């Protein structure tokens, strides 16, 4: 897993923790306006967490595709070198 992926997932975890903390805090607050702000904040942090998780998943997919493309390119390079060496040997 890349460093960037780890950072995205850590951000998601922190956002989820913030959301849970806001939900717990909203239970203890007596002011309806404050409760609503905490609930809204909780929803926003959950949304951010989901976005971070989606970005991490997309990054992982991109990395896997890139690694596969690199393997294919290496195979093509090896085959090209082999063909060149065969041509040199024939001459």
PDB file of N, CA and C in Angstrom:
ATOM      1  N   UNK A   1       0.854  -1.165   0.000  1.00  0.00           N
ATOM      2  CA  UNK A   1       0.000   0.000   0.000  1.00  0.00           C
ATOM      3  C   UNK A   1       0.906   1.236   0.000  1.00  0.00           C
ATOM      4  N   UNK A   2       0.559   2.207  -0.794  1.00  0.00           N
ATOM      5  CA  UNK A   2       1.397   3.398  -0.906  1.00  0.00           C
ATOM      6  C   UNK A   2       1.225   4.311   0.309  1.00  0.00           C
ATOM      7  N   UNK A   3       2.192   5.182   0.468  1.00  0.00           N
ATOM      8  CA  UNK A   3       2.151   6.149   1.568  1.00  0.00           C
ATOM      9  C   UNK A   3       0.911   7.036   1.437  1.00  0.00           C
ATOM     10  N   UNK A   4       0.583   7.412   0.201  1.00  0.00           N
ATOM     11  CA  UNK A   4      -0.583   8.278  -0.024  1.00  0.00           C
ATOM     12  C   UNK A   4      -1.879   7.563   0.361  1.00  0.00           C
ATOM     13  N   UNK A   5      -1.929   6.282   0.053  1.00  0.00           N
ATOM     14  CA  UNK A   5      -3.108   5.492   0.397  1.00  0.00           C
ATOM     15  C   UNK A   5      -3.262   5.408   1.914  1.00  0.00           C
ATOM     16  N   UNK A   6      -2.143   5.218   2.603  1.00  0.00           N
ATOM     17  CA  UNK A   6      -2.165   5.149   4.066  1.00  0.00           C
ATOM     18  C   UNK A   6      -2.668   6.473   4.646  1.00  0.00           C
ATOM     19  N   UNK A   7      -2.214   7.583   4.077  1.00  0.00           N
ATOM     20  CA  UNK A   7      -2.646   8.904   4.552  1.00  0.00           C
ATOM     21  C   UNK A   7      -4.145   9.087   4.333  1.00  0.00           C
ATOM     22  N   UNK A   8      -4.633   8.703   3.157  1.00  0.00           N
ATOM     23  CA  UNK A   8      -6.068   8.833   2.882  1.00  0.00           C
ATOM     24  C   UNK A   8      -6.896   8.012   3.868  1.00  0.00           C
ATOM     25  N   UNK A   9      -6.466   6.781   4.125  1.00  0.00           N
ATOM     26  CA  UNK A   9      -7.214   5.933   5.053  1.00  0.00           C
ATOM     27  C   UNK A   9      -7.113   6.454   6.489  1.00  0.00           C
ATOM     28  N   UNK A  10      -5.969   7.021   6.855  1.00  0.00           N
ATOM     29  CA  UNK A  10      -5.837   7.620   8.192  1.00  0.00           C
ATOM     30  C   UNK A  10      -6.767   8.826   8.323  1.00  0.00           C
ATOM     31  N   UNK A  11      -6.854   9.628   7.269  1.00  0.00           N
ATOM     32  CA  UNK A  11      -7.780  10.770   7.283  1.00  0.00           C
ATOM     33  C   UNK A  11      -9.220  10.294   7.417  1.00  0.00           C
ATOM     34  N   UNK A  12      -9.551   9.219   6.729  1.00  0.00           N
ATOM     35  CA  UNK A  12     -10.907   8.661   6.823  1.00  0.00           C
ATOM     36  C   UNK A  12     -11.189   8.200   8.248  1.00  0.00           C
ATOM     37  N   UNK A  13     -10.220   7.519   8.850  1.00  0.00           N
ATOM     38  CA  UNK A  13     -10.402   7.040  10.222  1.00  0.00           C
ATOM     39  C   UNK A  13     -10.611   8.212  11.182  1.00  0.00           C
ATOM     40  N   UNK A  14      -9.802   9.263  11.036  1.00  0.00           N
ATOM     41  CA  UNK A  14      -9.949  10.437  11.904  1.00  0.00           C
ATOM     42  C   UNK A  14     -11.305  11.115  11.697  1.00  0.00           C
ATOM     43  N   UNK A  15     -11.744  11.188  10.456  1.00  0.00           N
ATOM     44  CA  UNK A  15     -13.048  11.798  10.180  1.00  0.00           C
ATOM     45  C   UNK A  15     -14.165  10.985  10.821  1.00  0.00           C
ATOM     46  N   UNK A  16     -14.074   9.663  10.736  1.00  0.00           N
ATOM     47  CA  UNK A  16     -15.094   8.808  11.371  1.00  0.00           C
ATOM     48  C   UNK A  16     -15.075   8.989  12.893  1.00  0.00           C
ATOM     49  N   UNK A  17     -13.857   9.085  13.465  1.00  0.00           N
ATOM     50  CA  UNK A  17     -13.752   9.303  14.911  1.00  0.00           C
ATOM     51  C   UNK A  17     -14.355  10.647  15.301  1.00  0.00           C
ATOM     52  N   UNK A  18     -14.077  11.689  14.515  1.00  0.00           N
ATOM     53  CA  UNK A  18     -14.660  13.014  14.778  1.00  0.00           C
ATOM     54  C   UNK A  18     -16.180  12.955  14.722  1.00  0.00           C
ATOM     55  N   UNK A  19     -16.699  12.247  13.736  1.00  0.00           N
ATOM     56  CA  UNK A  19     -18.153  12.133  13.585  1.00  0.00           C
ATOM     57  C   UNK A  19     -18.759  11.423  14.791  1.00  0.00           C
ATOM     58  N   UNK A  20     -18.130  10.342  15.223  1.00  0.00           N
ATOM     59  CA  UNK A  20     -18.639   9.606  16.382  1.00  0.00           C
ATOM     60  C   UNK A  20     -18.572  10.473  17.640  1.00  0.00           C
ATOM     61  N   UNK A  21     -17.490  11.223  17.793  1.00  0.00           N
ATOM     62  CA  UNK A  21     -17.337  12.116  18.942  1.00  0.00           C
ATOM     63  C   UNK A  21     -18.436  13.185  18.938  1.00  0.00           C
ATOM     64  N   UNK A  22     -18.726  13.733  17.777  1.00  0.00           N
ATOM     65  CA  UNK A  22     -19.775  14.756  17.675  1.00  0.00           C
ATOM     66  C   UNK A  22     -21.139  14.167  18.019  1.00  0.00           C
ATOM     67  N   UNK A  23     -21.392  12.933  17.568  1.00  0.00           N
ATOM     68  CA  UNK A  23     -22.674  12.294  17.898  1.00  0.00           C
ATOM     69  C   UNK A  23     -22.794  12.069  19.407  1.00  0.00           C
ATOM     70  N   UNK A  24     -21.693  11.600  20.029  1.00  0.00           N
ATOM     71  CA  UNK A  24     -21.727  11.384  21.483  1.00  0.00           C
ATOM     72  C   UNK A  24     -21.939  12.705  22.226  1.00  0.00           C
ATOM     73  N   UNK A  25     -21.261  13.743  21.771  1.00  0.00           N
ATOM     74  CA  UNK A  25     -21.367  15.051  22.415  1.00  0.00           C
ATOM     75  C   UNK A  25     -22.774  15.628  22.271  1.00  0.00           C
ATOM     76  N   UNK A  26     -23.408  15.376  21.142  1.00  0.00           N
ATOM     77  CA  UNK A  26     -24.747  15.941  20.916  1.00  0.00           C
ATOM     78  C   UNK A  26     -25.757  15.420  21.933  1.00  0.00           C
ATOM     79  N   UNK A  27     -25.510  14.244  22.487  1.00  0.00           N
ATOM     80  CA  UNK A  27     -26.406  13.678  23.498  1.00  0.00           C
ATOM     81  C   UNK A  27     -26.354  14.510  24.782  1.00  0.00           C
ATOM     82  N   UNK A  28     -25.204  15.087  25.071  1.00  0.00           N
ATOM     83  CA  UNK A  28     -25.007  15.815  26.322  1.00  0.00           C
ATOM     84  C   UNK A  28     -25.357  17.300  26.228  1.00  0.00           C
ATOM     85  N   UNK A  29     -25.601  17.786  25.036  1.00  0.00           N
ATOM     86  CA  UNK A  29     -25.884  19.211  24.848  1.00  0.00           C
ATOM     87  C   UNK A  29     -27.381  19.443  24.966  1.00  0.00           C
ATOM     88  N   UNK A  30     -27.764  20.487  25.708  1.00  0.00           N
ATOM     89  CA  UNK A  30     -29.186  20.763  25.908  1.00  0.00           C
ATOM     90  C   UNK A  30     -29.776  21.713  24.880  1.00  0.00           C
ATOM     91  N   UNK A  31     -28.943  22.452  24.187  1.00  0.00           N
ATOM     92  CA  UNK A  31     -29.399  23.461  23.229  1.00  0.00           C
ATOM     93  C   UNK A  31     -29.683  22.793  21.884  1.00  0.00           C
ATOM     94  N   UNK A  32     -30.934  22.939  21.408  1.00  0.00           N
ATOM     95  CA  UNK A  32     -31.311  22.291  20.148  1.00  0.00           C
ATOM     96  C   UNK A  32     -30.469  22.770  18.972  1.00  0.00           C
ATOM     97  N   UNK A  33     -30.136  24.070  18.960  1.00  0.00           N
ATOM     98  CA  UNK A  33     -29.306  24.596  17.877  1.00  0.00           C
ATOM     99  C   UNK A  33     -27.926  23.966  17.879  1.00  0.00           C
ATOM    100  N   UNK A  34     -27.364  23.815  19.078  1.00  0.00           N
ATOM    101  CA  UNK A  34     -26.040  23.189  19.191  1.00  0.00           C
ATOM    102  C   UNK A  34     -26.111  21.719  18.802  1.00  0.00           C
ATOM    103  N   UNK A  35     -27.177  21.066  19.198  1.00  0.00           N
ATOM    104  CA  UNK A  35     -27.352  19.654  18.828  1.00  0.00           C
ATOM    105  C   UNK A  35     -27.373  19.519  17.310  1.00  0.00           C
ATOM    106  N   UNK A  36     -28.141  20.382  16.658  1.00  0.00           N
ATOM    107  CA  UNK A  36     -28.243  20.308  15.196  1.00  0.00           C
ATOM    108  C   UNK A  36     -26.895  20.570  14.542  1.00  0.00           C
ATOM    109  N   UNK A  37     -26.133  21.543  15.073  1.00  0.00           N
ATOM    110  CA  UNK A  37     -24.809  21.826  14.509  1.00  0.00           C
ATOM    111  C   UNK A  37     -23.886  20.622  14.669  1.00  0.00           C
ATOM    112  N   UNK A  38     -23.962  19.961  15.815  1.00  0.00           N
ATOM    113  CA  UNK A  38     -23.136  18.768  16.034  1.00  0.00           C
ATOM    114  C   UNK A  38     -23.553  17.632  15.101  1.00  0.00           C
ATOM    115  N   UNK A  39     -24.851  17.466  14.926  1.00  0.00           N
ATOM    116  CA  UNK A  39     -25.341  16.426  14.013  1.00  0.00           C
ATOM    117  C   UNK A  39     -24.901  16.735  12.586  1.00  0.00           C
ATOM    118  N   UNK A  40     -25.037  18.000  12.182  1.00  0.00           N
ATOM    119  CA  UNK A  40     -24.597  18.397  10.837  1.00  0.00           C
ATOM    120  C   UNK A  40     -23.099  18.160  10.662  1.00  0.00           C
ATOM    121  N   UNK A  41     -22.324  18.509  11.690  1.00  0.00           N
ATOM    122  CA  UNK A  41     -20.877  18.300  11.644  1.00  0.00           C
ATOM    123  C   UNK A  41     -20.570  16.809  11.521  1.00  0.00           C
ATOM    124  N   UNK A  42     -21.300  16.010  12.274  1.00  0.00           N
ATOM    125  CA  UNK A  42     -21.115  14.561  12.232  1.00  0.00           C
ATOM    126  C   UNK A  42     -21.383  14.019  10.828  1.00  0.00           C
ATOM    127  N   UNK A  43     -22.454  14.471  10.221  1.00  0.00           N
ATOM    128  CA  UNK A  43     -22.802  14.035   8.862  1.00  0.00           C
ATOM    129  C   UNK A  43     -21.720  14.459   7.875  1.00  0.00           C
ATOM    130  N   UNK A  44     -21.235  15.693   8.028  1.00  0.00           N
ATOM    131  CA  UNK A  44     -20.186  16.199   7.137  1.00  0.00           C
ATOM    132  C   UNK A  44     -18.904  15.376   7.276  1.00  0.00           C
ATOM    133  N   UNK A  45     -18.529  15.052   8.509  1.00  0.00           N
ATOM    134  CA  UNK A  45     -17.303  14.268   8.725  1.00  0.00           C
ATOM    135  C   UNK A  45     -17.463  12.850   8.171  1.00  0.00           C
ATOM    136  N   UNK A  46     -18.650  12.268   8.317  1.00  0.00           N
ATOM    137  CA  UNK A  46     -18.895  10.945   7.724  1.00  0.00           C
ATOM    138  C   UNK A  46     -18.771  11.005   6.204  1.00  0.00           C
ATOM    139  N   UNK A  47     -19.281  12.092   5.615  1.00  0.00           N
ATOM    140  CA  UNK A  47     -19.175  12.258   4.158  1.00  0.00           C
ATOM    141  C   UNK A  47     -17.711  12.379   3.748  1.00  0.00           C
ATOM    142  N   UNK A  48     -16.951  13.172   4.508  1.00  0.00           N
ATOM    143  CA  UNK A  48     -15.524  13.301   4.202  1.00  0.00           C
ATOM    144  C   UNK A  48     -14.813  11.955   4.322  1.00  0.00           C
ATOM    145  N   UNK A  49     -15.166  11.188   5.336  1.00  0.00           N
ATOM    146  CA  UNK A  49     -14.554   9.869   5.515  1.00  0.00           C
ATOM    147  C   UNK A  49     -14.841   8.984   4.307  1.00  0.00           C
ATOM    148  N   UNK A  50     -16.074   9.011   3.843  1.00  0.00           N
ATOM    149  CA  UNK A  50     -16.430   8.214   2.659  1.00  0.00           C
ATOM    150  C   UNK A  50     -15.640   8.662   1.438  1.00  0.00           C
ATOM    151  N   UNK A  51     -15.469   9.973   1.291  1.00  0.00           N
ATOM    152  CA  UNK A  51     -14.691  10.490   0.159  1.00  0.00           C
ATOM    153  C   UNK A  51     -13.239  10.025   0.238  1.00  0.00           C
ATOM    154  N   UNK A  52     -12.654  10.084   1.436  1.00  0.00           N
ATOM    155  CA  UNK A  52     -11.277   9.612   1.607  1.00  0.00           C
ATOM    156  C   UNK A  52     -11.165   8.128   1.264  1.00  0.00           C
ATOM    157  N   UNK A  53     -12.129   7.348   1.726  1.00  0.00           N
ATOM    158  CA  UNK A  53     -12.104   5.910   1.449  1.00  0.00           C
ATOM    159  C   UNK A  53     -12.236   5.633  -0.047  1.00  0.00           C
ATOM    160  N   UNK A  54     -13.100   6.389  -0.722  1.00  0.00           N
ATOM    161  CA  UNK A  54     -13.251   6.221  -2.169  1.00  0.00           C
ATOM    162  C   UNK A  54     -11.972   6.604  -2.900  1.00  0.00           C
ATOM    163  N   UNK A  55     -11.342   7.698  -2.477  1.00  0.00           N
ATOM    164  CA  UNK A  55     -10.076   8.106  -3.095  1.00  0.00           C
ATOM    165  C   UNK A  55      -9.000   7.046  -2.885  1.00  0.00           C
ATOM    166  N   UNK A  56      -8.953   6.476  -1.692  1.00  0.00           N
ATOM    167  CA  UNK A  56      -7.969   5.431  -1.408  1.00  0.00           C
ATOM    168  C   UNK A  56      -8.212   4.212  -2.296  1.00  0.00           C
ATOM    169  N   UNK A  57      -9.473   3.842  -2.475  1.00  0.00           N
ATOM    170  CA  UNK A  57      -9.797   2.694  -3.329  1.00  0.00           C
ATOM    171  C   UNK A  57      -9.420   2.977  -4.783  1.00  0.00           C
ATOM    172  N   UNK A  58      -9.710   4.189  -5.259  1.00  0.00           N
ATOM    173  CA  UNK A  58      -9.353   4.547  -6.636  1.00  0.00           C
ATOM    174  C   UNK A  58      -7.844   4.569  -6.817  1.00  0.00           C
ATOM    175  N   UNK A  59      -7.132   5.083  -5.817  1.00  0.00           N
ATOM    176  CA  UNK A  59      -5.675   5.110  -5.891  1.00  0.00           C
ATOM    177  C   UNK A  59      -5.120   3.695  -5.957  1.00  0.00           C
ATOM    178  N   UNK A  60      -5.674   2.799  -5.156  1.00  0.00           N
ATOM    179  CA  UNK A  60      -5.222   1.404  -5.168  1.00  0.00           C
ATOM    180  C   UNK A  60      -5.463   0.775  -6.538  1.00  0.00           C
ATOM    181  N   UNK A  61      -6.649   1.006  -7.109  1.00  0.00           N
ATOM    182  CA  UNK A  61      -6.959   0.474  -8.440  1.00  0.00           C
ATOM    183  C   UNK A  61      -5.989   1.018  -9.482  1.00  0.00           C
ATOM    184  N   UNK A  62      -5.710   2.319  -9.402  1.00  0.00           N
ATOM    185  CA  UNK A  62      -4.783   2.943 -10.349  1.00  0.00           C
ATOM    186  C   UNK A  62      -3.394   2.348 -10.206  1.00  0.00           C
ATOM    187  N   UNK A  63      -2.966   2.152  -8.972  1.00  0.00           N
ATOM    188  CA  UNK A  63      -1.643   1.569  -8.747  1.00  0.00           C
ATOM    189  C   UNK A  63      -1.568   0.149  -9.303  1.00  0.00           C
ATOM    190  N   UNK A  64      -2.622  -0.635  -9.111  1.00  0.00           N
ATOM    191  CA  UNK A  64      -2.634  -2.003  -9.631  1.00  0.00           C
ATOM    192  C   UNK A  64      -2.595  -2.011 -11.159  1.00  0.00           C
ATOM    193  N   UNK A  65      -3.364  -1.110 -11.792  1.00  0.00           N
ATOM    194  CA  UNK A  65      -3.338  -1.020 -13.255  1.00  0.00           C
ATOM    195  C   UNK A  65      -1.963  -0.583 -13.746  1.00  0.00           C
ATOM    196  N   UNK A  66      -1.364   0.367 -13.037  1.00  0.00           N
ATOM    197  CA  UNK A  66      -0.034   0.847 -13.417  1.00  0.00           C
ATOM    198  C   UNK A  66       0.992  -0.269 -13.293  1.00  0.00           C
ATOM    199  N   UNK A  67       0.926  -1.025 -12.219  1.00  0.00           N
ATOM    200  CA  UNK A  67       1.856  -2.143 -12.035  1.00  0.00           C
ATOM    201  C   UNK A  67       1.676  -3.184 -13.133  1.00  0.00           C
ATOM    202  N   UNK A  68       0.439  -3.456 -13.513  1.00  0.00           N
ATOM    203  CA  UNK A  68       0.180  -4.416 -14.591  1.00  0.00           C
ATOM    204  C   UNK A  68       0.740  -3.892 -15.910  1.00  0.00           C
ATOM    205  N   UNK A  69       0.557  -2.605 -16.173  1.00  0.00           N
ATOM    206  CA  UNK A  69       1.084  -2.009 -17.406  1.00  0.00           C
ATOM    207  C   UNK A  69       2.606  -2.069 -17.422  1.00  0.00           C
ATOM    208  N   UNK A  70       3.225  -1.828 -16.285  1.00  0.00           N
ATOM    209  CA  UNK A  70       4.686  -1.906 -16.199  1.00  0.00           C
ATOM    210  C   UNK A  70       5.154  -3.327 -16.490  1.00  0.00           C
ATOM    211  N   UNK A  71       4.462  -4.319 -15.944  1.00  0.00           N
ATOM    212  CA  UNK A  71       4.833  -5.722 -16.218  1.00  0.00           C
ATOM    213  C   UNK A  71       4.717  -6.023 -17.711  1.00  0.00           C
ATOM    214  N   UNK A  72       3.636  -5.542 -18.325  1.00  0.00           N
ATOM    215  CA  UNK A  72       3.453  -5.762 -19.766  1.00  0.00           C
ATOM    216  C   UNK A  72       4.558  -5.083 -20.561  1.00  0.00           C
ATOM    217  N   UNK A  73       4.899  -3.860 -20.195  1.00  0.00           N
ATOM    218  CA  UNK A  73       5.973  -3.147 -20.893  1.00  0.00           C
ATOM    219  C   UNK A  73       7.303  -3.870 -20.743  1.00  0.00           C
ATOM    220  N   UNK A  74       7.577  -4.367 -19.567  1.00  0.00           N
ATOM    221  CA  UNK A  74       8.824  -5.116 -19.354  1.00  0.00           C
ATOM    222  C   UNK A  74       8.854  -6.368 -20.220  1.00  0.00           C
ATOM    223  N   UNK A  75       7.708  -7.026 -20.348  1.00  0.00           N
ATOM    224  CA  UNK A  75       7.645  -8.218 -21.194  1.00  0.00           C
ATOM    225  C   UNK A  75       7.890  -7.848 -22.654  1.00  0.00           C
ATOM    226  N   UNK A  76       7.311  -6.742 -23.106  1.00  0.00           N
ATOM    227  CA  UNK A  76       7.518  -6.283 -24.486  1.00  0.00           C
ATOM    228  C   UNK A  76       8.983  -5.919 -24.703  1.00  0.00           C
ATOM    229  N   UNK A  77       9.578  -5.236 -23.743  1.00  0.00           N
ATOM    230  CA  UNK A  77      10.994  -4.870 -23.854  1.00  0.00           C
ATOM    231  C   UNK A  77      11.864  -6.116 -23.929  1.00  0.00           C
ATOM    232  N   UNK A  78      11.576  -7.093 -23.075  1.00  0.00           N
ATOM    233  CA  UNK A  78      12.354  -8.336 -23.082  1.00  0.00           C
ATOM    234  C   UNK A  78      12.202  -9.057 -24.420  1.00  0.00           C
ATOM    235  N   UNK A  79      10.988  -9.111 -24.941  1.00  0.00           N
ATOM    236  CA  UNK A  79      10.750  -9.760 -26.236  1.00  0.00           C
ATOM    237  C   UNK A  79      11.471  -9.010 -27.353  1.00  0.00           C
ATOM    238  N   UNK A  80      11.422  -7.692 -27.311  1.00  0.00           N
ATOM    239  CA  UNK A  80      12.116  -6.881 -28.325  1.00  0.00           C
ATOM    240  C   UNK A  80      13.616  -7.125 -28.266  1.00  0.00           C
ATOM    241  N   UNK A  81      14.166  -7.162 -27.082  1.00  0.00           N
ATOM    242  CA  UNK A  81      15.607  -7.444 -26.932  1.00  0.00           C
ATOM    243  C   UNK A  81      15.951  -8.828 -27.469  1.00  0.00           C
ATOM    244  N   UNK A  82      15.085  -9.790 -27.182  1.00  0.00           N
ATOM    245  CA  UNK A  82      15.328 -11.151 -27.662  1.00  0.00           C
ATOM    246  C   UNK A  82      15.347 -11.176 -29.184  1.00  0.00           C
ATOM    247  N   UNK A  83      14.383 -10.497 -29.794  1.00  0.00           N
ATOM    248  CA  UNK A  83      14.309 -10.448 -31.259  1.00  0.00           C
ATOM    249  C   UNK A  83      15.546  -9.766 -31.826  1.00  0.00           C
ATOM    250  N   UNK A  84      15.963  -8.677 -31.213  1.00  0.00           N
ATOM    251  CA  UNK A  84      17.166  -7.970 -31.680  1.00  0.00           C
ATOM    252  C   UNK A  84      18.383  -8.872 -31.585  1.00  0.00           C
ATOM    253  N   UNK A  85      18.510  -9.585 -30.483  1.00  0.00           N
ATOM    254  CA  UNK A  85      19.654 -10.496 -30.312  1.00  0.00           C
ATOM    255  C   UNK A  85      19.616 -11.622 -31.344  1.00  0.00           C
ATOM    256  N   UNK A  86      18.435 -12.142 -31.644  1.00  0.00           N
ATOM    257  CA  UNK A  86      18.319 -13.187 -32.667  1.00  0.00           C
ATOM    258  C   UNK A  86      18.738 -12.653 -34.029  1.00  0.00           C
ATOM    259  N   UNK A  87      18.312 -11.433 -34.337  1.00  0.00           N
ATOM    260  CA  UNK A  87      18.686 -10.816 -35.618  1.00  0.00           C
ATOM    261  C   UNK A  87      20.191 -10.591 -35.688  1.00  0.00           C
ATOM    262  N   UNK A  88      20.788 -10.160 -34.602  1.00  0.00           N
ATOM    263  CA  UNK A  88      22.238  -9.957 -34.569  1.00  0.00           C
ATOM    264  C   UNK A  88      22.965 -11.284 -34.767  1.00  0.00           C
ATOM    265  N   UNK A  89      22.448 -12.332 -34.145  1.00  0.00           N
ATOM    266  CA  UNK A  89      23.089 -13.649 -34.241  1.00  0.00           C
ATOM    267  C   UNK A  89      23.001 -14.200 -35.661  1.00  0.00           C
ATOM    268  N   UNK A  90      21.956 -13.896 -36.392  1.00  0.00           N
ATOM    269  CA  UNK A  90      21.803 -14.369 -37.770  1.00  0.00           C
ATOM    270  C   UNK A  90      22.793 -13.698 -38.701  1.00  0.00           C
ATOM    271  N   UNK A  91      23.191 -12.497 -38.408  1.00  0.00           N
ATOM    272  CA  UNK A  91      24.080 -11.749 -39.300  1.00  0.00           C
ATOM    273  C   UNK A  91      25.462 -12.116 -39.061  1.00  0.00           C
TER     274      UNK A  91
END
